[in-house]
Amino acid sequence: MNAIRTQTCALLRVNSSVLVCSVRYARKPRWVPMAKSKMYKIKEMPYRPVLEGEEIQRLQNNYRIYSGSLVAFQEKISEEESARSLTATNEGSEEHEWGRILAETERDNAIVKEIREKQLVEEWRQIEADILKEKTLLEDKALQDMKITEEKLHHQLNKLKDIITEDKLDEAIAKALSVQTDYNFAIDKDDRVYLGRKNSDKPQDIANVTTDLSTSRIQYPPPV
């Protein structure tokens, strides 16, 4: 036994003198075996008749049922008395608490209403400012579009001045037949240009002559 205790102390790293073995009060320790005088004795159980055991069991069952019923009844009476006392004492306090809660709710609602009204005013001001800004941008865009449209219209009207209408068709035909256009020209080695037939034989400088042949038209007087 001492060897086991020493090994345990060695494992726990505790001095063997510190380990104490407790002994049960007024009884022998657990490791002491049974006495030899009691080793082969069999304790006799007390004899009890069957009817007596059944009667004892019935009485115990009745006792548990009756005691449980009494405890439940007492608890119910205590709850009712406490509820009546609380109701009597809390009627006034409940009304007072209800009034206080209503007053706090109305005050909080008034504060929230004021804050919400201020927020709505600010939101409407921002919306009005955005609408005015958008309106100004749309008006400026409309004026710019109108200006561009007018410029295009004037440009088209200027183009329409040279259009031959039905009432000017005969005059335009007569004018086209009376005007002769010659696109022939020649350039010599000195960069002098000779324009068309039936023109002046005097040469011109190439720098003074247009390079667009479609616009260098030479008009002759109508034939006699």
C-alpha atoms as a PDB file:
ATOM      1  CA  MET A   1       0.000   0.000   0.000  1.00  0.00           C
ATOM      2  CA  ASN A   2       2.845   2.324   0.864  1.00  0.00           C
ATOM      3  CA  ALA A   3       4.504   1.477  -2.452  1.00  0.00           C
ATOM      4  CA  ILE A   4       1.357   2.461  -4.390  1.00  0.00           C
ATOM      5  CA  ARG A   5       1.080   5.690  -2.424  1.00  0.00           C
ATOM      6  CA  THR A   6       4.735   6.471  -3.039  1.00  0.00           C
ATOM      7  CA  GLN A   7       4.340   5.874  -6.772  1.00  0.00           C
ATOM      8  CA  THR A   8       1.275   8.121  -6.840  1.00  0.00           C
ATOM      9  CA  CYS A   9       3.182  10.840  -5.034  1.00  0.00           C
ATOM     10  CA  ALA A  10       6.063  10.452  -7.437  1.00  0.00           C
ATOM     11  CA  LEU A  11       3.720  10.883 -10.396  1.00  0.00           C
ATOM     12  CA  LEU A  12       2.070  13.915  -8.848  1.00  0.00           C
ATOM     13  CA  ARG A  13       5.432  15.261  -7.665  1.00  0.00           C
ATOM     14  CA  VAL A  14       4.117  15.648  -4.115  1.00  0.00           C
ATOM     15  CA  ASN A  15       5.934  14.729  -0.936  1.00  0.00           C
ATOM     16  CA  SER A  16       4.676  11.442   0.566  1.00  0.00           C
ATOM     17  CA  SER A  17       4.222  13.041   3.972  1.00  0.00           C
ATOM     18  CA  VAL A  18       1.596  15.403   2.537  1.00  0.00           C
ATOM     19  CA  LEU A  19      -0.727  12.617   1.303  1.00  0.00           C
ATOM     20  CA  VAL A  20      -3.472  11.974   3.873  1.00  0.00           C
ATOM     21  CA  CYS A  21      -5.909   9.036   3.819  1.00  0.00           C
ATOM     22  CA  SER A  22      -9.348   9.888   5.212  1.00  0.00           C
ATOM     23  CA  VAL A  23     -11.150   7.362   7.430  1.00  0.00           C
ATOM     24  CA  ARG A  24     -14.941   7.219   7.864  1.00  0.00           C
ATOM     25  CA  TYR A  25     -16.252   8.385  11.208  1.00  0.00           C
ATOM     26  CA  ALA A  26     -16.937   5.547  13.697  1.00  0.00           C
ATOM     27  CA  ARG A  27     -16.453   2.939  10.976  1.00  0.00           C
ATOM     28  CA  LYS A  28     -13.532   0.984   9.715  1.00  0.00           C
ATOM     29  CA  PRO A  29     -11.728   2.000   6.499  1.00  0.00           C
ATOM     30  CA  ARG A  30     -12.813   0.666   3.125  1.00  0.00           C
ATOM     31  CA  TRP A  31      -9.689  -1.365   2.541  1.00  0.00           C
ATOM     32  CA  VAL A  32     -10.126  -3.366   5.766  1.00  0.00           C
ATOM     33  CA  PRO A  33     -11.796  -6.714   4.850  1.00  0.00           C
ATOM     34  CA  MET A  34     -14.873  -8.232   6.507  1.00  0.00           C
ATOM     35  CA  ALA A  35     -14.400  -9.773   9.884  1.00  0.00           C
ATOM     36  CA  LYS A  36     -14.055 -13.550   9.898  1.00  0.00           C
ATOM     37  CA  SER A  37     -16.873 -13.892  12.443  1.00  0.00           C
ATOM     38  CA  LYS A  38     -19.349 -12.277   9.998  1.00  0.00           C
ATOM     39  CA  MET A  39     -18.022 -13.717   6.797  1.00  0.00           C
ATOM     40  CA  TYR A  40     -20.507 -16.614   6.395  1.00  0.00           C
ATOM     41  CA  LYS A  41     -23.542 -15.191   8.197  1.00  0.00           C
ATOM     42  CA  ILE A  42     -26.716 -14.534   6.160  1.00  0.00           C
ATOM     43  CA  LYS A  43     -28.995 -11.798   7.433  1.00  0.00           C
ATOM     44  CA  GLU A  44     -32.586 -12.943   7.636  1.00  0.00           C
ATOM     45  CA  MET A  45     -35.233 -10.667   6.090  1.00  0.00           C
ATOM     46  CA  PRO A  46     -38.221  -9.866   8.342  1.00  0.00           C
ATOM     47  CA  TYR A  47     -41.383 -11.745   7.440  1.00  0.00           C
ATOM     48  CA  ARG A  48     -44.337  -9.638   6.294  1.00  0.00           C
ATOM     49  CA  PRO A  49     -47.682 -11.029   5.217  1.00  0.00           C
ATOM     50  CA  VAL A  50     -48.880 -10.243   1.690  1.00  0.00           C
ATOM     51  CA  LEU A  51     -52.077  -8.543   2.843  1.00  0.00           C
ATOM     52  CA  GLU A  52     -50.153  -6.360   5.225  1.00  0.00           C
ATOM     53  CA  GLY A  53     -47.786  -5.249   2.451  1.00  0.00           C
ATOM     54  CA  GLU A  54     -50.687  -4.422   0.123  1.00  0.00           C
ATOM     55  CA  GLU A  55     -52.405  -2.420   2.866  1.00  0.00           C
ATOM     56  CA  ILE A  56     -49.231  -0.471   3.615  1.00  0.00           C
ATOM     57  CA  GLN A  57     -48.816   0.284  -0.120  1.00  0.00           C
ATOM     58  CA  ARG A  58     -52.431   1.450  -0.366  1.00  0.00           C
ATOM     59  CA  LEU A  59     -52.048   3.744   2.636  1.00  0.00           C
ATOM     60  CA  GLN A  60     -48.847   5.206   1.212  1.00  0.00           C
ATOM     61  CA  ASN A  61     -50.528   5.875  -2.137  1.00  0.00           C
ATOM     62  CA  ASN A  62     -53.475   7.568  -0.429  1.00  0.00           C
ATOM     63  CA  TYR A  63     -51.113   9.665   1.639  1.00  0.00           C
ATOM     64  CA  ARG A  64     -49.234  10.884  -1.435  1.00  0.00           C
ATOM     65  CA  ILE A  65     -52.481  11.710  -3.252  1.00  0.00           C
ATOM     66  CA  TYR A  66     -54.038  13.565  -0.308  1.00  0.00           C
ATOM     67  CA  SER A  67     -50.876  15.467   0.520  1.00  0.00           C
ATOM     68  CA  GLY A  68     -50.433  16.499  -3.126  1.00  0.00           C
ATOM     69  CA  SER A  69     -54.048  17.667  -3.293  1.00  0.00           C
ATOM     70  CA  LEU A  70     -53.676  19.721  -0.120  1.00  0.00           C
ATOM     71  CA  VAL A  71     -50.475  21.326  -1.381  1.00  0.00           C
ATOM     72  CA  ALA A  72     -52.091  22.214  -4.731  1.00  0.00           C
ATOM     73  CA  PHE A  73     -55.183  23.601  -2.979  1.00  0.00           C
ATOM     74  CA  GLN A  74     -53.065  25.714  -0.676  1.00  0.00           C
ATOM     75  CA  GLU A  75     -51.015  27.042  -3.589  1.00  0.00           C
ATOM     76  CA  LYS A  76     -54.186  27.961  -5.493  1.00  0.00           C
ATOM     77  CA  ILE A  77     -55.614  29.797  -2.470  1.00  0.00           C
ATOM     78  CA  SER A  78     -52.327  31.646  -2.011  1.00  0.00           C
ATOM     79  CA  GLU A  79     -52.287  32.678  -5.683  1.00  0.00           C
ATOM     80  CA  GLU A  80     -55.881  33.952  -5.521  1.00  0.00           C
ATOM     81  CA  GLU A  81     -55.206  35.925  -2.346  1.00  0.00           C
ATOM     82  CA  SER A  82     -52.039  37.437  -3.790  1.00  0.00           C
ATOM     83  CA  ALA A  83     -53.864  38.286  -7.033  1.00  0.00           C
ATOM     84  CA  ARG A  84     -56.694  39.995  -5.130  1.00  0.00           C
ATOM     85  CA  SER A  85     -54.244  41.957  -3.036  1.00  0.00           C
ATOM     86  CA  LEU A  86     -52.232  42.978  -6.086  1.00  0.00           C
ATOM     87  CA  THR A  87     -55.397  43.968  -7.950  1.00  0.00           C
ATOM     88  CA  ALA A  88     -56.598  46.078  -5.050  1.00  0.00           C
ATOM     89  CA  THR A  89     -53.255  47.790  -4.628  1.00  0.00           C
ATOM     90  CA  ASN A  90     -52.442  48.210  -8.322  1.00  0.00           C
ATOM     91  CA  GLU A  91     -55.745  49.599  -9.614  1.00  0.00           C
ATOM     92  CA  GLY A  92     -54.734  53.157  -8.873  1.00  0.00           C
ATOM     93  CA  SER A  93     -51.135  52.597  -9.892  1.00  0.00           C
ATOM     94  CA  GLU A  94     -52.209  51.039 -13.217  1.00  0.00           C
ATOM     95  CA  GLU A  95     -54.387  54.040 -14.054  1.00  0.00           C
ATOM     96  CA  HIS A  96     -51.564  56.369 -13.110  1.00  0.00           C
ATOM     97  CA  GLU A  97     -49.087  54.332 -15.181  1.00  0.00           C
ATOM     98  CA  TRP A  98     -51.488  54.289 -18.138  1.00  0.00           C
ATOM     99  CA  GLY A  99     -51.882  58.053 -17.987  1.00  0.00           C
ATOM    100  CA  ARG A 100     -48.127  58.525 -17.750  1.00  0.00           C
ATOM    101  CA  ILE A 101     -47.523  56.263 -20.732  1.00  0.00           C
ATOM    102  CA  LEU A 102     -50.142  58.123 -22.790  1.00  0.00           C
ATOM    103  CA  ALA A 103     -48.569  61.469 -21.901  1.00  0.00           C
ATOM    104  CA  GLU A 104     -45.106  60.230 -22.905  1.00  0.00           C
ATOM    105  CA  THR A 105     -46.488  58.818 -26.135  1.00  0.00           C
ATOM    106  CA  GLU A 106     -48.188  62.110 -27.036  1.00  0.00           C
ATOM    107  CA  ARG A 107     -45.016  64.041 -26.258  1.00  0.00           C
ATOM    108  CA  ASP A 108     -42.895  61.706 -28.378  1.00  0.00           C
ATOM    109  CA  ASN A 109     -45.432  61.884 -31.210  1.00  0.00           C
ATOM    110  CA  ALA A 110     -45.336  65.692 -31.107  1.00  0.00           C
ATOM    111  CA  ILE A 111     -41.534  65.689 -31.301  1.00  0.00           C
ATOM    112  CA  VAL A 112     -41.524  63.210 -34.185  1.00  0.00           C
ATOM    113  CA  LYS A 113     -44.218  65.231 -35.989  1.00  0.00           C
ATOM    114  CA  GLU A 114     -42.198  68.437 -35.702  1.00  0.00           C
ATOM    115  CA  ILE A 115     -39.058  66.734 -36.979  1.00  0.00           C
ATOM    116  CA  ARG A 116     -40.969  65.158 -39.862  1.00  0.00           C
ATOM    117  CA  GLU A 117     -42.554  68.469 -40.858  1.00  0.00           C
ATOM    118  CA  LYS A 118     -39.127  70.117 -40.982  1.00  0.00           C
ATOM    119  CA  GLN A 119     -37.806  67.270 -43.096  1.00  0.00           C
ATOM    120  CA  LEU A 120     -40.772  67.554 -45.476  1.00  0.00           C
ATOM    121  CA  VAL A 121     -40.224  71.318 -45.858  1.00  0.00           C
ATOM    122  CA  GLU A 122     -36.550  70.758 -46.679  1.00  0.00           C
ATOM    123  CA  GLU A 123     -37.423  67.978 -49.116  1.00  0.00           C
ATOM    124  CA  TRP A 124     -40.006  70.147 -50.895  1.00  0.00           C
ATOM    125  CA  ARG A 125     -37.512  73.010 -51.153  1.00  0.00           C
ATOM    126  CA  GLN A 126     -34.950  70.684 -52.664  1.00  0.00           C
ATOM    127  CA  ILE A 127     -37.556  69.303 -55.075  1.00  0.00           C
ATOM    128  CA  GLU A 128     -38.580  72.829 -56.146  1.00  0.00           C
ATOM    129  CA  ALA A 129     -34.942  73.794 -56.690  1.00  0.00           C
ATOM    130  CA  ASP A 130     -34.360  70.672 -58.790  1.00  0.00           C
ATOM    131  CA  ILE A 131     -37.522  71.354 -60.822  1.00  0.00           C
ATOM    132  CA  LEU A 132     -36.495  74.974 -61.488  1.00  0.00           C
ATOM    133  CA  LYS A 133     -33.012  73.870 -62.480  1.00  0.00           C
ATOM    134  CA  GLU A 134     -34.394  71.227 -64.820  1.00  0.00           C
ATOM    135  CA  LYS A 135     -36.857  73.744 -66.269  1.00  0.00           C
ATOM    136  CA  THR A 136     -34.050  76.236 -66.927  1.00  0.00           C
ATOM    137  CA  LEU A 137     -31.954  73.569 -68.624  1.00  0.00           C
ATOM    138  CA  LEU A 138     -34.901  72.514 -70.787  1.00  0.00           C
ATOM    139  CA  GLU A 139     -35.643  76.120 -71.769  1.00  0.00           C
ATOM    140  CA  ASP A 140     -32.002  76.745 -72.691  1.00  0.00           C
ATOM    141  CA  LYS A 141     -31.927  73.544 -74.706  1.00  0.00           C
ATOM    142  CA  ALA A 142     -35.180  74.487 -76.454  1.00  0.00           C
ATOM    143  CA  LEU A 143     -33.805  77.945 -77.349  1.00  0.00           C
ATOM    144  CA  GLN A 144     -30.598  76.409 -78.637  1.00  0.00           C
ATOM    145  CA  ASP A 145     -32.514  73.857 -80.700  1.00  0.00           C
ATOM    146  CA  MET A 146     -34.751  76.619 -82.081  1.00  0.00           C
ATOM    147  CA  LYS A 147     -31.701  78.691 -83.009  1.00  0.00           C
ATOM    148  CA  ILE A 148     -30.102  75.736 -84.785  1.00  0.00           C
ATOM    149  CA  THR A 149     -33.387  75.019 -86.572  1.00  0.00           C
ATOM    150  CA  GLU A 150     -33.690  78.643 -87.728  1.00  0.00           C
ATOM    151  CA  GLU A 151     -30.117  78.597 -89.026  1.00  0.00           C
ATOM    152  CA  LYS A 152     -30.800  75.404 -90.950  1.00  0.00           C
ATOM    153  CA  LEU A 153     -34.033  76.887 -92.287  1.00  0.00           C
ATOM    154  CA  HIS A 154     -32.304  80.073 -93.493  1.00  0.00           C
ATOM    155  CA  HIS A 155     -29.588  77.974 -95.081  1.00  0.00           C
ATOM    156  CA  GLN A 156     -32.150  75.882 -96.912  1.00  0.00           C
ATOM    157  CA  LEU A 157     -34.052  79.010 -97.976  1.00  0.00           C
ATOM    158  CA  ASN A 158     -30.846  80.465 -99.415  1.00  0.00           C
ATOM    159  CA  LYS A 159     -30.375  77.255-101.346  1.00  0.00           C
ATOM    160  CA  LEU A 160     -33.925  77.443-102.645  1.00  0.00           C
ATOM    161  CA  LYS A 161     -33.254  80.818-104.293  1.00  0.00           C
ATOM    162  CA  ASP A 162     -31.495  79.104-107.208  1.00  0.00           C
ATOM    163  CA  ILE A 163     -34.134  76.407-107.641  1.00  0.00           C
ATOM    164  CA  ILE A 164     -36.051  76.552-110.921  1.00  0.00           C
ATOM    165  CA  THR A 165     -39.764  76.663-110.237  1.00  0.00           C
ATOM    166  CA  GLU A 166     -42.529  75.866-112.688  1.00  0.00           C
ATOM    167  CA  ASP A 167     -43.269  79.491-113.541  1.00  0.00           C
ATOM    168  CA  LYS A 168     -39.551  80.161-114.227  1.00  0.00           C
ATOM    169  CA  LEU A 169     -38.970  77.041-116.283  1.00  0.00           C
ATOM    170  CA  ASP A 170     -39.258  78.679-119.733  1.00  0.00           C
ATOM    171  CA  GLU A 171     -36.965  81.526-118.752  1.00  0.00           C
ATOM    172  CA  ALA A 172     -34.370  79.102-117.405  1.00  0.00           C
ATOM    173  CA  ILE A 173     -34.471  77.030-120.611  1.00  0.00           C
ATOM    174  CA  ALA A 174     -34.018  80.118-122.775  1.00  0.00           C
ATOM    175  CA  LYS A 175     -31.124  81.312-120.609  1.00  0.00           C
ATOM    176  CA  ALA A 176     -29.427  77.912-120.757  1.00  0.00           C
ATOM    177  CA  LEU A 177     -29.699  77.815-124.546  1.00  0.00           C
ATOM    178  CA  SER A 178     -28.355  81.346-124.903  1.00  0.00           C
ATOM    179  CA  VAL A 179     -25.313  80.807-122.689  1.00  0.00           C
ATOM    180  CA  GLN A 180     -22.384  78.761-123.966  1.00  0.00           C
ATOM    181  CA  THR A 181     -19.908  77.229-121.556  1.00  0.00           C
ATOM    182  CA  ASP A 182     -16.509  75.991-122.591  1.00  0.00           C
ATOM    183  CA  TYR A 183     -14.385  73.977-120.182  1.00  0.00           C
ATOM    184  CA  ASN A 184     -11.338  73.635-122.435  1.00  0.00           C
ATOM    185  CA  PHE A 185      -8.068  75.202-121.349  1.00  0.00           C
ATOM    186  CA  ALA A 186      -4.369  74.764-121.967  1.00  0.00           C
ATOM    187  CA  ILE A 187      -1.186  75.354-119.991  1.00  0.00           C
ATOM    188  CA  ASP A 188       2.159  76.064-121.600  1.00  0.00           C
ATOM    189  CA  LYS A 189       5.618  75.394-120.234  1.00  0.00           C
ATOM    190  CA  ASP A 190       5.699  78.792-118.532  1.00  0.00           C
ATOM    191  CA  ASP A 191       2.600  77.941-116.483  1.00  0.00           C
ATOM    192  CA  ARG A 192       0.399  80.232-118.536  1.00  0.00           C
ATOM    193  CA  VAL A 193      -3.213  79.250-118.933  1.00  0.00           C
ATOM    194  CA  TYR A 194      -5.258  79.667-122.145  1.00  0.00           C
ATOM    195  CA  LEU A 195      -8.994  79.385-121.355  1.00  0.00           C
ATOM    196  CA  GLY A 196     -11.475  78.009-123.863  1.00  0.00           C
ATOM    197  CA  ARG A 197     -12.303  78.842-127.422  1.00  0.00           C
ATOM    198  CA  LYS A 198     -13.388  82.241-128.683  1.00  0.00           C
ATOM    199  CA  ASN A 199     -11.651  83.858-125.726  1.00  0.00           C
ATOM    200  CA  SER A 200      -8.899  86.333-125.489  1.00  0.00           C
ATOM    201  CA  ASP A 201      -5.558  85.081-126.715  1.00  0.00           C
ATOM    202  CA  LYS A 202      -3.857  86.880-123.885  1.00  0.00           C
ATOM    203  CA  PRO A 203      -2.478  84.229-121.478  1.00  0.00           C
ATOM    204  CA  GLN A 204      -3.223  84.330-117.747  1.00  0.00           C
ATOM    205  CA  ASP A 205      -1.095  83.355-114.792  1.00  0.00           C
ATOM    206  CA  ILE A 206      -1.930  79.935-113.404  1.00  0.00           C
ATOM    207  CA  ALA A 207      -2.028  81.362-109.867  1.00  0.00           C
ATOM    208  CA  ASN A 208      -4.973  83.584-110.861  1.00  0.00           C
ATOM    209  CA  VAL A 209      -6.952  80.718-112.374  1.00  0.00           C
ATOM    210  CA  THR A 210      -9.219  78.543-110.224  1.00  0.00           C
ATOM    211  CA  THR A 211      -8.337  74.859-110.025  1.00  0.00           C
ATOM    212  CA  ASP A 212     -11.983  73.779-109.837  1.00  0.00           C
ATOM    213  CA  LEU A 213     -12.879  73.070-113.435  1.00  0.00           C
ATOM    214  CA  SER A 214     -16.578  72.796-112.644  1.00  0.00           C
ATOM    215  CA  THR A 215     -16.655  76.474-111.602  1.00  0.00           C
ATOM    216  CA  SER A 216     -14.327  77.877-114.305  1.00  0.00           C
ATOM    217  CA  ARG A 217     -17.074  78.562-116.779  1.00  0.00           C
ATOM    218  CA  ILE A 218     -16.615  80.892-119.729  1.00  0.00           C
ATOM    219  CA  GLN A 219     -19.759  82.591-120.978  1.00  0.00           C
ATOM    220  CA  TYR A 220     -20.066  83.735-124.556  1.00  0.00           C
ATOM    221  CA  PRO A 221     -22.559  86.235-125.954  1.00  0.00           C
ATOM    222  CA  PRO A 222     -25.500  84.735-127.771  1.00  0.00           C
ATOM    223  CA  PRO A 223     -24.920  84.045-131.443  1.00  0.00           C
ATOM    224  CA  VAL A 224     -26.143  86.608-133.970  1.00  0.00           C
END
